Structures are given as structure tokens and as C-alpha cells.
N, C-alpha and C. Protein backbone atom coordinates (compact mmCIF):
# COMPACT_ATOMS: atom_id res chain seq x y z
N MET A 1 31.76 105.06 117.21
CA MET A 1 32.16 103.88 117.95
C MET A 1 32.12 102.64 117.06
N GLY A 2 31.17 102.58 116.16
CA GLY A 2 31.05 101.45 115.25
C GLY A 2 32.25 101.34 114.33
N ARG A 3 32.81 102.49 113.97
CA ARG A 3 33.97 102.48 113.07
C ARG A 3 35.20 101.87 113.74
N SER A 4 35.45 102.20 115.00
CA SER A 4 36.65 101.69 115.66
C SER A 4 36.57 100.18 115.88
N ILE A 5 35.38 99.65 116.16
CA ILE A 5 35.23 98.21 116.31
C ILE A 5 35.46 97.53 114.96
N MET A 6 34.88 98.13 113.91
CA MET A 6 35.05 97.55 112.58
C MET A 6 36.51 97.64 112.15
N GLY A 7 37.16 98.76 112.45
CA GLY A 7 38.58 98.93 112.11
C GLY A 7 39.44 97.93 112.86
N SER A 8 39.14 97.72 114.13
CA SER A 8 39.89 96.75 114.94
C SER A 8 39.68 95.34 114.43
N SER A 9 38.45 95.02 114.06
CA SER A 9 38.16 93.68 113.53
C SER A 9 38.90 93.45 112.22
N MET A 10 38.90 94.47 111.35
CA MET A 10 39.59 94.36 110.07
C MET A 10 41.09 94.17 110.29
N LEU A 11 41.65 94.90 111.24
CA LEU A 11 43.07 94.78 111.56
C LEU A 11 43.39 93.38 112.09
N ALA A 12 42.53 92.85 112.95
CA ALA A 12 42.74 91.51 113.51
C ALA A 12 42.70 90.45 112.41
N VAL A 13 41.73 90.57 111.49
CA VAL A 13 41.63 89.61 110.38
C VAL A 13 42.88 89.69 109.51
N LEU A 14 43.34 90.90 109.23
CA LEU A 14 44.54 91.10 108.41
C LEU A 14 45.76 90.49 109.09
N MET A 15 45.91 90.68 110.39
CA MET A 15 47.05 90.13 111.13
C MET A 15 47.02 88.60 111.11
N VAL A 16 45.86 87.99 111.31
CA VAL A 16 45.74 86.53 111.28
C VAL A 16 46.11 86.01 109.90
N ALA A 17 45.64 86.69 108.84
CA ALA A 17 45.96 86.27 107.47
C ALA A 17 47.46 86.34 107.22
N LEU A 18 48.10 87.40 107.70
CA LEU A 18 49.55 87.52 107.53
C LEU A 18 50.30 86.42 108.28
N LEU A 19 49.86 86.11 109.48
CA LEU A 19 50.50 85.06 110.26
C LEU A 19 50.36 83.70 109.59
N ILE A 20 49.19 83.42 109.07
CA ILE A 20 48.96 82.14 108.40
C ILE A 20 49.80 82.04 107.14
N SER A 21 49.80 83.09 106.33
CA SER A 21 50.56 83.04 105.07
C SER A 21 52.06 83.05 105.33
N GLY A 22 52.50 83.76 106.36
CA GLY A 22 53.93 83.83 106.67
C GLY A 22 54.48 82.51 107.16
N SER A 23 53.66 81.70 107.79
CA SER A 23 54.16 80.42 108.30
C SER A 23 54.38 79.40 107.20
N GLN A 24 53.89 79.68 106.00
CA GLN A 24 54.06 78.75 104.88
C GLN A 24 55.38 78.96 104.15
N PHE A 25 56.11 80.01 104.46
CA PHE A 25 57.34 80.32 103.75
C PHE A 25 58.53 80.27 104.71
N GLU A 26 59.63 79.75 104.20
CA GLU A 26 60.86 79.66 104.99
C GLU A 26 61.52 81.03 105.02
N VAL A 27 61.99 81.43 106.18
CA VAL A 27 62.70 82.69 106.30
C VAL A 27 64.07 82.53 105.65
N ALA A 28 64.45 83.49 104.80
CA ALA A 28 65.71 83.39 104.03
C ALA A 28 66.92 83.24 104.94
N SER A 29 66.95 83.96 106.04
CA SER A 29 68.13 83.91 106.91
C SER A 29 68.25 82.58 107.64
N ALA A 30 67.15 81.82 107.73
CA ALA A 30 67.19 80.54 108.40
C ALA A 30 67.54 79.40 107.44
N LYS A 31 67.71 79.71 106.18
CA LYS A 31 68.02 78.69 105.18
C LYS A 31 69.37 78.04 105.51
N LYS A 32 69.39 76.73 105.46
CA LYS A 32 70.63 76.00 105.75
C LYS A 32 71.59 76.14 104.59
N LYS A 33 72.83 76.52 104.90
CA LYS A 33 73.85 76.68 103.87
C LYS A 33 74.52 75.34 103.59
N LYS A 34 74.98 75.20 102.34
CA LYS A 34 75.71 73.99 101.94
C LYS A 34 77.14 74.11 102.46
N HIS A 35 77.63 73.05 103.09
CA HIS A 35 78.99 73.03 103.64
C HIS A 35 79.86 72.15 102.74
N ILE A 36 80.94 72.73 102.22
CA ILE A 36 81.88 71.94 101.44
C ILE A 36 83.25 71.96 102.12
N GLN A 37 83.96 70.86 102.01
CA GLN A 37 85.29 70.74 102.60
C GLN A 37 86.23 70.13 101.57
N PHE A 38 87.44 70.66 101.51
CA PHE A 38 88.47 70.06 100.67
C PHE A 38 89.83 70.53 101.17
N THR A 39 90.87 69.83 100.75
CA THR A 39 92.25 70.12 101.16
C THR A 39 93.08 70.38 99.92
N TYR A 40 93.98 71.35 100.04
CA TYR A 40 94.93 71.62 98.96
C TYR A 40 96.22 72.14 99.57
N TYR A 41 97.26 72.29 98.73
CA TYR A 41 98.59 72.65 99.22
C TYR A 41 99.12 73.85 98.45
N LEU A 42 99.65 74.82 99.19
CA LEU A 42 100.29 75.99 98.61
C LEU A 42 101.79 75.70 98.53
N HIS A 43 102.37 75.95 97.37
CA HIS A 43 103.80 75.73 97.15
C HIS A 43 104.45 77.08 96.87
N ASP A 44 105.34 77.54 97.75
CA ASP A 44 106.04 78.82 97.58
C ASP A 44 107.52 78.57 97.29
N ASN A 45 108.06 79.41 96.42
CA ASN A 45 109.47 79.33 96.05
C ASN A 45 110.07 80.72 96.21
N PHE A 46 111.16 80.83 96.98
CA PHE A 46 111.78 82.13 97.26
C PHE A 46 113.07 82.35 96.48
N ILE A 47 113.54 81.33 95.77
CA ILE A 47 114.82 81.41 95.06
C ILE A 47 114.57 81.24 93.56
N PRO A 48 115.15 82.14 92.72
CA PRO A 48 114.94 82.03 91.26
C PRO A 48 115.46 80.69 90.75
N PRO A 49 114.93 80.19 89.68
CA PRO A 49 113.81 80.74 88.91
C PRO A 49 112.46 80.34 89.53
N GLY A 50 111.42 80.98 89.09
CA GLY A 50 110.08 80.64 89.55
C GLY A 50 109.72 81.17 90.92
N VAL A 51 110.25 82.32 91.30
CA VAL A 51 109.94 82.92 92.60
C VAL A 51 108.44 83.21 92.68
N THR A 52 107.81 82.85 93.80
CA THR A 52 106.37 83.07 93.97
C THR A 52 106.03 84.07 95.07
N ALA A 53 107.03 84.48 95.86
CA ALA A 53 106.81 85.44 96.94
C ALA A 53 108.04 86.33 97.08
N VAL A 54 107.81 87.65 97.13
CA VAL A 54 108.92 88.60 97.27
C VAL A 54 108.57 89.66 98.30
N GLN A 55 109.59 90.12 99.02
CA GLN A 55 109.39 91.23 99.94
C GLN A 55 109.30 92.50 99.11
N THR A 56 108.19 93.22 99.25
CA THR A 56 107.97 94.42 98.44
C THR A 56 108.09 95.72 99.23
N ILE A 57 107.98 95.64 100.55
CA ILE A 57 108.16 96.82 101.40
C ILE A 57 109.08 96.43 102.55
N SER A 58 110.13 97.23 102.75
CA SER A 58 111.03 97.04 103.89
C SER A 58 111.10 98.36 104.63
N VAL A 59 110.66 98.37 105.87
CA VAL A 59 110.66 99.60 106.66
C VAL A 59 112.06 100.16 106.81
N SER A 60 113.05 99.28 107.00
CA SER A 60 114.43 99.73 107.19
C SER A 60 115.14 100.00 105.87
N GLY A 61 114.54 99.57 104.76
CA GLY A 61 115.20 99.72 103.46
C GLY A 61 116.16 98.59 103.17
N ASN A 62 116.28 97.64 104.10
CA ASN A 62 117.18 96.50 103.93
C ASN A 62 116.34 95.26 103.61
N PHE A 63 116.35 94.84 102.36
CA PHE A 63 115.53 93.71 101.93
C PHE A 63 116.17 92.36 102.23
N THR A 64 117.37 92.34 102.76
CA THR A 64 118.03 91.06 103.03
C THR A 64 118.23 90.79 104.51
N GLY A 65 117.86 91.73 105.37
CA GLY A 65 118.04 91.55 106.80
C GLY A 65 116.83 90.93 107.46
N LEU A 66 116.79 91.03 108.78
CA LEU A 66 115.66 90.51 109.53
C LEU A 66 114.41 91.33 109.22
N ALA A 67 113.28 90.65 109.18
CA ALA A 67 112.01 91.33 108.92
C ALA A 67 111.63 92.18 110.13
N GLU A 68 110.96 93.30 109.86
CA GLU A 68 110.55 94.23 110.91
C GLU A 68 109.07 94.55 110.77
N PHE A 69 108.50 95.09 111.86
CA PHE A 69 107.11 95.53 111.85
C PHE A 69 106.86 96.45 110.64
N GLY A 70 105.84 96.12 109.86
CA GLY A 70 105.50 96.92 108.68
C GLY A 70 106.03 96.36 107.37
N ASP A 71 106.99 95.45 107.43
CA ASP A 71 107.49 94.84 106.19
C ASP A 71 106.36 94.07 105.52
N GLN A 72 106.37 94.08 104.20
CA GLN A 72 105.29 93.44 103.45
C GLN A 72 105.84 92.52 102.36
N THR A 73 105.19 91.39 102.19
CA THR A 73 105.52 90.43 101.13
C THR A 73 104.32 90.28 100.21
N THR A 74 104.59 90.28 98.92
CA THR A 74 103.55 90.04 97.92
C THR A 74 103.77 88.65 97.35
N PHE A 75 102.69 87.90 97.17
CA PHE A 75 102.83 86.53 96.69
C PHE A 75 101.81 86.20 95.62
N ASP A 76 102.19 85.28 94.78
CA ASP A 76 101.33 84.69 93.76
C ASP A 76 101.68 83.20 93.76
N SER A 77 101.23 82.52 94.79
CA SER A 77 101.67 81.16 95.10
C SER A 77 100.84 80.12 94.37
N ILE A 78 101.50 79.06 94.00
CA ILE A 78 100.85 77.96 93.27
C ILE A 78 100.14 77.03 94.24
N LEU A 79 98.92 76.65 93.88
CA LEU A 79 98.14 75.68 94.66
C LEU A 79 98.13 74.35 93.91
N ARG A 80 98.31 73.29 94.67
CA ARG A 80 98.32 71.95 94.08
C ARG A 80 97.42 71.02 94.89
N GLU A 81 97.03 69.95 94.25
CA GLU A 81 96.17 68.97 94.91
C GLU A 81 96.89 68.28 96.06
N GLY A 82 98.20 68.08 95.92
CA GLY A 82 98.94 67.33 96.92
C GLY A 82 100.20 68.00 97.39
N LEU A 83 100.89 67.32 98.28
CA LEU A 83 102.13 67.80 98.88
C LEU A 83 103.28 67.85 97.87
N ASN A 84 103.28 66.93 96.93
CA ASN A 84 104.34 66.85 95.93
C ASN A 84 104.20 67.99 94.91
N LYS A 85 105.32 68.63 94.56
CA LYS A 85 105.25 69.78 93.65
C LYS A 85 104.90 69.40 92.21
N THR A 86 104.79 68.11 91.94
CA THR A 86 104.34 67.68 90.62
C THR A 86 102.87 67.23 90.63
N SER A 87 102.20 67.37 91.79
CA SER A 87 100.78 66.99 91.85
C SER A 87 99.96 67.98 91.02
N ASP A 88 98.70 67.66 90.77
CA ASP A 88 97.85 68.46 89.88
C ASP A 88 97.75 69.91 90.32
N PHE A 89 97.86 70.83 89.36
CA PHE A 89 97.72 72.27 89.56
C PHE A 89 96.26 72.58 89.86
N TRP A 90 96.03 73.38 90.94
CA TRP A 90 94.67 73.73 91.33
C TRP A 90 94.41 75.23 91.31
N GLY A 91 95.42 76.06 91.09
CA GLY A 91 95.19 77.50 91.06
C GLY A 91 96.27 78.29 91.78
N TYR A 92 95.85 79.45 92.32
CA TYR A 92 96.78 80.38 92.96
C TYR A 92 96.19 80.97 94.23
N HIS A 93 97.06 81.32 95.16
CA HIS A 93 96.76 82.25 96.24
C HIS A 93 97.55 83.50 95.89
N SER A 94 96.87 84.63 95.72
CA SER A 94 97.53 85.89 95.38
C SER A 94 97.18 86.92 96.43
N GLY A 95 98.18 87.64 96.95
CA GLY A 95 97.90 88.65 97.95
C GLY A 95 99.13 89.19 98.62
N THR A 96 98.94 89.66 99.86
CA THR A 96 100.04 90.25 100.63
C THR A 96 99.98 89.80 102.09
N THR A 97 101.16 89.76 102.72
CA THR A 97 101.25 89.60 104.17
C THR A 97 102.05 90.78 104.70
N SER A 98 101.64 91.27 105.86
CA SER A 98 102.35 92.36 106.53
C SER A 98 102.75 91.89 107.91
N LEU A 99 104.01 92.10 108.27
CA LEU A 99 104.49 91.73 109.60
C LEU A 99 103.93 92.72 110.61
N LEU A 100 103.35 92.20 111.69
CA LEU A 100 102.78 93.04 112.74
C LEU A 100 103.80 93.26 113.85
N SER A 101 103.44 94.05 114.85
CA SER A 101 104.40 94.40 115.91
C SER A 101 104.73 93.22 116.83
N SER A 102 103.82 92.27 116.99
CA SER A 102 104.10 91.08 117.81
C SER A 102 104.92 90.09 117.00
N PRO A 103 105.91 89.45 117.63
CA PRO A 103 106.75 88.49 116.89
C PRO A 103 105.91 87.39 116.22
N ASN A 104 106.27 87.05 114.99
CA ASN A 104 105.64 85.98 114.20
C ASN A 104 104.18 86.23 113.86
N ASN A 105 103.68 87.44 114.07
CA ASN A 105 102.29 87.75 113.76
C ASN A 105 102.20 88.52 112.46
N PHE A 106 101.27 88.09 111.62
CA PHE A 106 101.10 88.67 110.29
C PHE A 106 99.64 89.00 110.04
N PHE A 107 99.41 89.98 109.18
CA PHE A 107 98.08 90.24 108.63
C PHE A 107 98.14 89.82 107.17
N ILE A 108 97.16 89.03 106.74
CA ILE A 108 97.16 88.52 105.37
C ILE A 108 95.85 88.87 104.67
N THR A 109 95.98 89.23 103.42
CA THR A 109 94.85 89.40 102.52
C THR A 109 95.17 88.59 101.28
N LEU A 110 94.26 87.70 100.90
CA LEU A 110 94.53 86.90 99.70
C LEU A 110 93.25 86.57 98.97
N THR A 111 93.41 86.31 97.70
CA THR A 111 92.34 85.77 96.87
C THR A 111 92.77 84.38 96.44
N ALA A 112 91.93 83.41 96.71
CA ALA A 112 92.17 82.04 96.26
C ALA A 112 91.48 81.88 94.91
N ASP A 113 92.26 81.57 93.90
CA ASP A 113 91.76 81.34 92.54
C ASP A 113 91.83 79.84 92.31
N LEU A 114 90.71 79.15 92.49
CA LEU A 114 90.70 77.69 92.38
C LEU A 114 90.15 77.24 91.04
N ARG A 115 90.89 76.35 90.42
CA ARG A 115 90.50 75.77 89.12
C ARG A 115 90.63 74.26 89.22
N THR A 116 89.84 73.67 90.07
CA THR A 116 89.91 72.23 90.30
C THR A 116 88.92 71.52 89.37
N PRO A 117 89.00 70.20 89.30
CA PRO A 117 88.00 69.48 88.51
C PRO A 117 86.58 69.71 89.02
N LYS A 118 86.44 70.03 90.31
CA LYS A 118 85.12 70.19 90.91
C LYS A 118 84.69 71.64 91.09
N TYR A 119 85.62 72.57 91.30
CA TYR A 119 85.29 73.97 91.60
C TYR A 119 86.05 74.92 90.69
N ASN A 120 85.38 76.02 90.34
CA ASN A 120 86.00 77.06 89.53
C ASN A 120 85.51 78.41 90.04
N GLY A 121 86.38 79.15 90.69
CA GLY A 121 85.98 80.44 91.22
C GLY A 121 87.02 81.00 92.17
N PHE A 122 86.64 82.10 92.80
CA PHE A 122 87.52 82.82 93.71
C PHE A 122 86.86 82.92 95.08
N TYR A 123 87.68 82.93 96.13
CA TYR A 123 87.18 83.37 97.43
C TYR A 123 88.26 84.21 98.11
N VAL A 124 87.83 85.07 99.00
CA VAL A 124 88.70 86.06 99.64
C VAL A 124 88.91 85.68 101.10
N VAL A 125 90.16 85.82 101.54
CA VAL A 125 90.55 85.50 102.91
C VAL A 125 91.27 86.71 103.48
N GLN A 126 90.95 87.04 104.73
CA GLN A 126 91.59 88.20 105.36
C GLN A 126 91.64 87.95 106.85
N GLY A 127 92.82 88.09 107.46
CA GLY A 127 92.91 87.88 108.89
C GLY A 127 94.32 87.97 109.44
N ARG A 128 94.41 87.74 110.72
CA ARG A 128 95.68 87.79 111.45
C ARG A 128 96.05 86.37 111.85
N PHE A 129 97.36 86.06 111.80
CA PHE A 129 97.79 84.74 112.24
C PHE A 129 99.19 84.82 112.82
N ASN A 130 99.50 83.81 113.66
CA ASN A 130 100.82 83.67 114.26
C ASN A 130 101.50 82.49 113.58
N SER A 131 102.55 82.75 112.83
CA SER A 131 103.21 81.70 112.04
C SER A 131 103.96 80.69 112.89
N SER A 132 104.16 80.97 114.18
CA SER A 132 104.85 80.00 115.04
C SER A 132 103.89 78.96 115.61
N ASN A 133 102.59 79.15 115.45
CA ASN A 133 101.62 78.15 115.90
C ASN A 133 101.64 76.96 114.95
N PRO A 134 101.28 75.76 115.45
CA PRO A 134 101.27 74.59 114.57
C PRO A 134 100.26 74.72 113.42
N SER A 135 99.16 75.42 113.66
CA SER A 135 98.18 75.70 112.61
C SER A 135 97.43 76.96 112.99
N TRP A 136 96.73 77.54 112.02
CA TRP A 136 95.98 78.75 112.29
C TRP A 136 94.77 78.80 111.36
N ASP A 137 93.70 79.43 111.85
CA ASP A 137 92.48 79.59 111.06
C ASP A 137 92.41 81.00 110.50
N LEU A 138 91.92 81.09 109.27
CA LEU A 138 91.75 82.37 108.59
C LEU A 138 90.33 82.44 108.05
N PRO A 139 89.63 83.57 108.24
CA PRO A 139 88.24 83.67 107.79
C PRO A 139 88.11 83.89 106.29
N ILE A 140 87.12 83.23 105.70
CA ILE A 140 86.74 83.46 104.30
C ILE A 140 85.62 84.49 104.33
N THR A 141 85.80 85.58 103.57
CA THR A 141 84.87 86.71 103.68
C THR A 141 83.99 86.93 102.45
N GLY A 142 84.15 86.16 101.40
CA GLY A 142 83.30 86.31 100.21
C GLY A 142 83.86 85.51 99.06
N GLY A 143 83.14 85.54 97.93
CA GLY A 143 83.62 84.79 96.78
C GLY A 143 82.84 85.07 95.52
N SER A 144 83.29 84.45 94.43
CA SER A 144 82.61 84.56 93.14
C SER A 144 82.72 83.22 92.41
N GLY A 145 82.08 83.11 91.26
CA GLY A 145 82.07 81.84 90.55
C GLY A 145 81.35 80.79 91.37
N ASP A 146 81.94 79.63 91.54
CA ASP A 146 81.33 78.58 92.35
C ASP A 146 81.28 78.93 93.83
N PHE A 147 81.91 80.03 94.23
CA PHE A 147 81.98 80.42 95.64
C PHE A 147 81.19 81.70 95.94
N VAL A 148 80.19 82.03 95.12
CA VAL A 148 79.37 83.22 95.37
C VAL A 148 78.73 83.09 96.75
N GLY A 149 78.85 84.15 97.55
CA GLY A 149 78.27 84.16 98.88
C GLY A 149 79.03 83.33 99.90
N ALA A 150 80.27 82.98 99.60
CA ALA A 150 81.05 82.12 100.48
C ALA A 150 81.35 82.77 101.82
N SER A 151 81.31 81.95 102.84
CA SER A 151 81.83 82.30 104.17
C SER A 151 82.47 81.02 104.69
N GLY A 152 83.17 81.13 105.78
CA GLY A 152 83.82 79.96 106.34
C GLY A 152 85.23 80.26 106.81
N TYR A 153 86.09 79.27 106.73
CA TYR A 153 87.47 79.47 107.20
C TYR A 153 88.41 78.46 106.55
N LEU A 154 89.68 78.83 106.53
CA LEU A 154 90.76 77.95 106.11
C LEU A 154 91.58 77.62 107.34
N THR A 155 91.97 76.37 107.49
CA THR A 155 92.93 76.00 108.52
C THR A 155 94.24 75.73 107.80
N ALA A 156 95.26 76.51 108.16
CA ALA A 156 96.57 76.40 107.52
C ALA A 156 97.54 75.69 108.46
N THR A 157 98.33 74.78 107.89
CA THR A 157 99.35 74.05 108.63
C THR A 157 100.61 74.01 107.79
N LEU A 158 101.74 74.40 108.36
CA LEU A 158 103.00 74.34 107.63
C LEU A 158 103.38 72.87 107.44
N ALA A 159 103.46 72.43 106.18
CA ALA A 159 103.75 71.03 105.88
C ALA A 159 105.23 70.80 105.62
N VAL A 160 105.88 71.75 104.91
CA VAL A 160 107.31 71.67 104.60
C VAL A 160 107.91 73.05 104.79
N SER A 161 108.99 73.15 105.55
CA SER A 161 109.67 74.42 105.75
C SER A 161 111.11 74.28 105.28
N ASP A 162 111.37 74.70 104.05
CA ASP A 162 112.69 74.57 103.45
C ASP A 162 112.90 75.77 102.53
N LEU A 163 113.69 76.74 102.99
CA LEU A 163 113.87 77.96 102.21
C LEU A 163 114.57 77.72 100.88
N VAL A 164 115.35 76.65 100.76
CA VAL A 164 116.03 76.36 99.50
C VAL A 164 115.06 75.75 98.48
N ASN A 165 114.30 74.75 98.92
CA ASN A 165 113.37 74.08 98.01
C ASN A 165 111.96 74.67 98.05
N GLY A 166 111.72 75.59 98.96
CA GLY A 166 110.41 76.23 99.08
C GLY A 166 109.62 75.66 100.24
N ILE A 167 108.60 76.43 100.64
CA ILE A 167 107.73 75.96 101.72
C ILE A 167 106.43 75.42 101.11
N VAL A 168 105.79 74.56 101.87
CA VAL A 168 104.49 74.02 101.47
C VAL A 168 103.56 74.19 102.66
N VAL A 169 102.40 74.80 102.42
CA VAL A 169 101.39 74.98 103.45
C VAL A 169 100.15 74.18 103.06
N LYS A 170 99.68 73.37 104.00
CA LYS A 170 98.45 72.60 103.79
C LYS A 170 97.26 73.46 104.20
N TYR A 171 96.25 73.54 103.35
CA TYR A 171 95.03 74.28 103.66
C TYR A 171 93.84 73.33 103.67
N ASP A 172 93.10 73.32 104.78
CA ASP A 172 91.83 72.62 104.86
C ASP A 172 90.74 73.68 104.78
N ALA A 173 89.98 73.66 103.68
CA ALA A 173 88.94 74.66 103.45
C ALA A 173 87.61 74.15 103.99
N ASN A 174 86.93 75.00 104.74
CA ASN A 174 85.57 74.76 105.23
C ASN A 174 84.74 75.94 104.76
N ILE A 175 83.94 75.71 103.72
CA ILE A 175 83.23 76.80 103.06
C ILE A 175 81.73 76.55 103.13
N PHE A 176 80.99 77.62 103.45
CA PHE A 176 79.54 77.57 103.50
C PHE A 176 78.99 78.44 102.37
N LEU A 177 78.12 77.85 101.56
CA LEU A 177 77.53 78.55 100.41
C LEU A 177 76.02 78.63 100.56
């Protein structure tokens, strides 16, 4: 009987010591992440020279007709600081979009390669969007370089829609590191 009381007392002392020492340390998952925000512009060109996006898969085999469910476009689009195509170069969005069965709905996977005066690194974006909406959010799922451990989202807004001169998409990045 003496052993169980002593064992219980020892366990109680150990538990109190753990509680006291544990309260002095911040839990890693509760650590506040740094939030960064910035805006940049994607410039796409569909007409040579300097094409940045091409249809690479056509379900019907017709690359010049209307797009269909399953069609895929591969892009290596230029990112710039501003709306003007002569504004400072900031990097690339490289990836693919696939047309889904619902009209104007796409699945996109891209890597943002940013080389700005302030940031140098990559982050990955993957999600579904409806291109007929005025804007859409896309989740950021990871990163490297200055974006290691990145999460967050991009808000995309079509800024210029001109198939001859190219389209421009405005991206507002909200990244948590």
C-alpha cells in the first residue's frame, strides 16, 4: 500500500512539473504567421512572336475551334509590376489550365516564380475558378525560397481582355509565412 501512495505522489509531482514547464513555451501551431500582401500583373500573348500560352491538348483534335471539356492550355506567362507591358519584370507564372465540364470553369495548377526587388522564390497555386466571374480566389499551397511554408490565396481579376494585344490579369497576393 505504501508503494501505490508513493507512486501516485511521484506521478502528481511529475505532472505538476510538466504543466509548469510547458506553460513557459509557446506552442508551435499557435505561432502567429507573418502576412505579406502585394500586387502584380500577368501578361499573356497568344499571337506570335512571343506566345506565352498555347493549347496543348484538344479533345476533339481541333486546336482552332471552340474549347471543350478536357482541353488543356500550357502557359509560361510573364509577370510585371504594373499593368503596362513595359513595367518592371517580376517573374513568371508557369503551369496548365484544363477546361472543366461546367461552362467557363477551369482547373489551374501553376508555379509563381517571383524575382522582385523584395522577394525571390516560388509558390504553388492549385484550384478551380470560373473565368466569367469578375474576380476569383485561388489557394496557395506551398513555396520555396522566400516563400518556404507559404499558404494563403491569390485574388485574380481580368484587367485587360484583348486577344490581339494579349490579356492582362491582376493578382493580389495574400501570403502567410
